Amino acid sequence: MRRSPSFKSSVSAIVGIAIPAAVAWAQNPKPAPEGLGLLPKPVEAPRELGGVPPPHVFTPDPSGGFSRTIFETDDDPDFNITIREYSFPPDKQKHSVVLPFGAFARLLSGPGVITVANNKLDLSSIARAALPPGAPIEVTNTSEYPIVVKLLILEAK
């Protein structure tokens, strides 16, 4: 198939315009629209490494383990809600926690023995147990790794 001379000159004109336009566009960048710019700076290193500590860091607890508050609110006029996690080291010792309020417990990780008022609980990642107010909660970590227990604490006002 033969092409006419005008077709060839049209194609070369388009190519002649497109190449300088592409070069000019690449050399003259404009700021990105909102939300499409550079990624934000990474979070600073933990305080141990000279930065700001991450949110919800575990702190030593009187039970001999560690605890942290994940969430708390007092928006409801009748009660306060607190979600706390307790981490117990693999030391095969009993760690006792006494809560003045009722709670629900769930085991997040690791095997261990949990008793409430001398009654052994069978907690798993899907099972939850109601804990009465003032009852001693004893946790013994029988594994080689720390175990974490999450408590949903309900405090009546």
Protein backbone atom coordinates (compact mmCIF):
# COMPACT_ATOMS: atom_id res chain seq x y z
CA MET A 1 0.00 0.00 0.00
CA ARG A 2 1.42 3.34 -1.03
CA ARG A 3 1.11 6.41 1.15
CA SER A 4 0.66 9.84 -0.27
CA PRO A 5 3.35 12.49 0.26
CA SER A 6 0.91 14.56 2.35
CA PHE A 7 0.45 11.61 4.76
CA LYS A 8 4.21 11.34 5.24
CA SER A 9 4.53 15.06 5.92
CA SER A 10 1.62 14.90 8.41
CA VAL A 11 3.25 12.06 10.34
CA SER A 12 6.62 13.82 10.43
CA ALA A 13 4.92 17.05 11.59
CA ILE A 14 3.19 15.20 14.45
CA VAL A 15 6.42 13.46 15.45
CA GLY A 16 8.28 16.77 15.18
CA ILE A 17 5.82 18.40 17.62
CA ALA A 18 5.46 15.45 20.01
CA ILE A 19 9.16 14.91 20.70
CA PRO A 20 9.95 18.50 21.85
CA ALA A 21 6.70 18.60 23.86
CA ALA A 22 7.66 15.41 25.70
CA VAL A 23 11.13 16.76 26.43
CA ALA A 24 9.69 20.08 27.68
CA TRP A 25 7.10 18.28 29.86
CA ALA A 26 9.79 16.12 31.49
CA GLN A 27 11.98 19.14 32.19
CA ASN A 28 9.23 21.35 33.68
CA PRO A 29 7.61 19.31 36.47
CA LYS A 30 4.67 20.80 38.33
CA PRO A 31 3.81 20.10 41.96
CA ALA A 32 1.63 17.04 42.44
CA PRO A 33 -2.02 17.63 43.27
CA GLU A 34 -3.07 17.23 46.92
CA GLY A 35 -2.61 13.66 48.15
CA LEU A 36 -0.32 12.58 45.31
CA GLY A 37 2.99 14.01 46.49
CA LEU A 38 5.89 12.37 48.29
CA LEU A 39 5.24 9.86 51.05
CA PRO A 40 5.34 11.22 54.62
CA LYS A 41 8.51 10.88 56.65
CA PRO A 42 8.80 7.54 58.48
CA VAL A 43 7.94 7.34 62.17
CA GLU A 44 10.87 8.14 64.41
CA ALA A 45 12.80 5.35 66.09
CA PRO A 46 11.78 4.24 69.61
CA ARG A 47 13.14 6.21 72.56
CA GLU A 48 15.71 3.47 73.25
CA LEU A 49 17.18 4.31 69.87
CA GLY A 50 16.98 8.06 70.47
CA GLY A 51 13.48 8.79 69.12
CA VAL A 52 9.86 9.08 70.24
CA PRO A 53 8.33 5.90 71.74
CA PRO A 54 5.63 4.14 69.71
CA PRO A 55 2.02 4.43 70.89
CA HIS A 56 0.70 1.89 73.41
CA VAL A 57 4.06 0.65 74.62
CA PHE A 58 4.15 -2.00 77.39
CA THR A 59 5.27 -0.74 80.82
CA PRO A 60 6.24 -2.75 83.93
CA ASP A 61 3.23 -3.80 85.99
CA PRO A 62 2.98 -4.56 89.76
CA SER A 63 2.08 -8.16 88.81
CA GLY A 64 5.66 -8.77 87.62
CA GLY A 65 4.57 -8.63 83.98
CA PHE A 66 3.90 -5.74 81.65
CA SER A 67 0.73 -3.91 80.69
CA ARG A 68 -0.52 -1.24 78.35
CA THR A 69 -3.77 0.61 77.79
CA ILE A 70 -5.01 0.25 74.22
CA PHE A 71 -8.25 2.21 74.54
CA GLU A 72 -10.29 4.00 77.19
CA THR A 73 -13.40 6.12 77.12
CA ASP A 74 -15.83 7.68 79.58
CA ASP A 75 -18.30 8.98 76.99
CA ASP A 76 -21.19 6.89 78.32
CA PRO A 77 -22.92 8.42 81.36
CA ASP A 78 -23.23 5.01 83.09
CA PHE A 79 -19.80 3.38 82.71
CA ASN A 80 -16.17 3.66 81.57
CA ILE A 81 -14.59 1.21 79.15
CA THR A 82 -10.89 0.35 79.17
CA ILE A 83 -9.09 -2.17 76.96
CA ARG A 84 -5.82 -3.31 78.54
CA GLU A 85 -3.28 -5.90 77.50
CA TYR A 86 -1.06 -7.76 79.96
CA SER A 87 2.12 -9.52 78.87
CA PHE A 88 3.69 -12.16 81.11
CA PRO A 89 7.28 -13.41 80.71
CA PRO A 90 8.11 -17.12 80.27
CA ASP A 91 9.29 -17.52 83.88
CA LYS A 92 6.82 -20.24 85.02
CA GLN A 93 5.84 -18.09 88.05
CA LYS A 94 2.37 -16.97 89.09
CA HIS A 95 1.56 -13.37 88.27
CA SER A 96 -1.46 -11.96 90.09
CA VAL A 97 -3.72 -9.14 88.87
CA VAL A 98 -6.73 -7.92 90.84
CA LEU A 99 -9.23 -5.68 89.08
CA PRO A 100 -11.72 -3.65 91.13
CA PHE A 101 -14.19 -3.87 88.22
CA GLY A 102 -15.72 -6.61 86.08
CA ALA A 103 -13.95 -7.56 82.86
CA PHE A 104 -13.85 -9.95 79.93
CA ALA A 105 -10.57 -11.76 79.22
CA ARG A 106 -9.17 -13.21 76.01
CA LEU A 107 -5.82 -14.92 75.48
CA LEU A 108 -4.01 -13.36 72.50
CA SER A 109 -0.86 -15.48 72.34
CA GLY A 110 0.91 -18.44 73.87
CA PRO A 111 -0.18 -21.24 76.21
CA GLY A 112 -0.47 -20.64 79.90
CA VAL A 113 -2.48 -21.40 83.02
CA ILE A 114 -5.02 -18.75 84.01
CA THR A 115 -7.07 -19.06 87.19
CA VAL A 116 -9.73 -16.72 88.53
CA ALA A 117 -10.62 -17.15 92.21
CA ASN A 118 -8.94 -20.61 92.11
CA ASN A 119 -10.99 -21.73 89.06
CA LYS A 120 -8.89 -22.68 86.03
CA LEU A 121 -9.95 -20.98 82.77
CA ASP A 122 -9.58 -22.50 79.33
CA LEU A 123 -8.88 -19.42 77.25
CA SER A 124 -7.98 -19.41 73.58
CA SER A 125 -7.82 -16.79 70.86
CA ILE A 126 -11.55 -17.25 70.23
CA ALA A 127 -12.80 -18.00 73.77
CA ARG A 128 -13.55 -15.23 76.23
CA ALA A 129 -14.23 -15.40 79.96
CA ALA A 130 -16.14 -13.06 82.24
CA LEU A 131 -14.16 -11.97 85.28
CA PRO A 132 -15.97 -10.84 88.45
CA PRO A 133 -14.86 -7.63 90.19
CA GLY A 134 -12.19 -8.04 92.89
CA ALA A 135 -11.38 -11.67 92.02
CA PRO A 136 -7.64 -12.45 91.84
CA ILE A 137 -6.50 -13.37 88.34
CA GLU A 138 -3.39 -15.56 88.39
CA VAL A 139 -1.45 -16.18 85.19
CA THR A 140 1.38 -18.67 84.89
CA ASN A 141 3.29 -18.71 81.63
CA THR A 142 4.31 -22.29 80.87
CA SER A 143 5.75 -21.64 77.42
CA GLU A 144 9.09 -20.35 76.16
CA TYR A 145 7.59 -17.08 74.89
CA PRO A 146 5.66 -14.25 76.52
CA ILE A 147 1.88 -14.58 76.60
CA VAL A 148 -0.55 -11.70 76.19
CA VAL A 149 -4.00 -11.47 77.76
CA LYS A 150 -6.43 -8.77 76.63
CA LEU A 151 -8.96 -7.44 79.15
CA LEU A 152 -12.07 -5.42 78.39
CA ILE A 153 -12.69 -3.64 81.70
CA LEU A 154 -16.15 -2.21 82.47
CA GLU A 155 -16.29 0.35 85.28
CA ALA A 156 -19.70 1.50 86.51
CA LYS A 157 -19.91 5.22 87.36
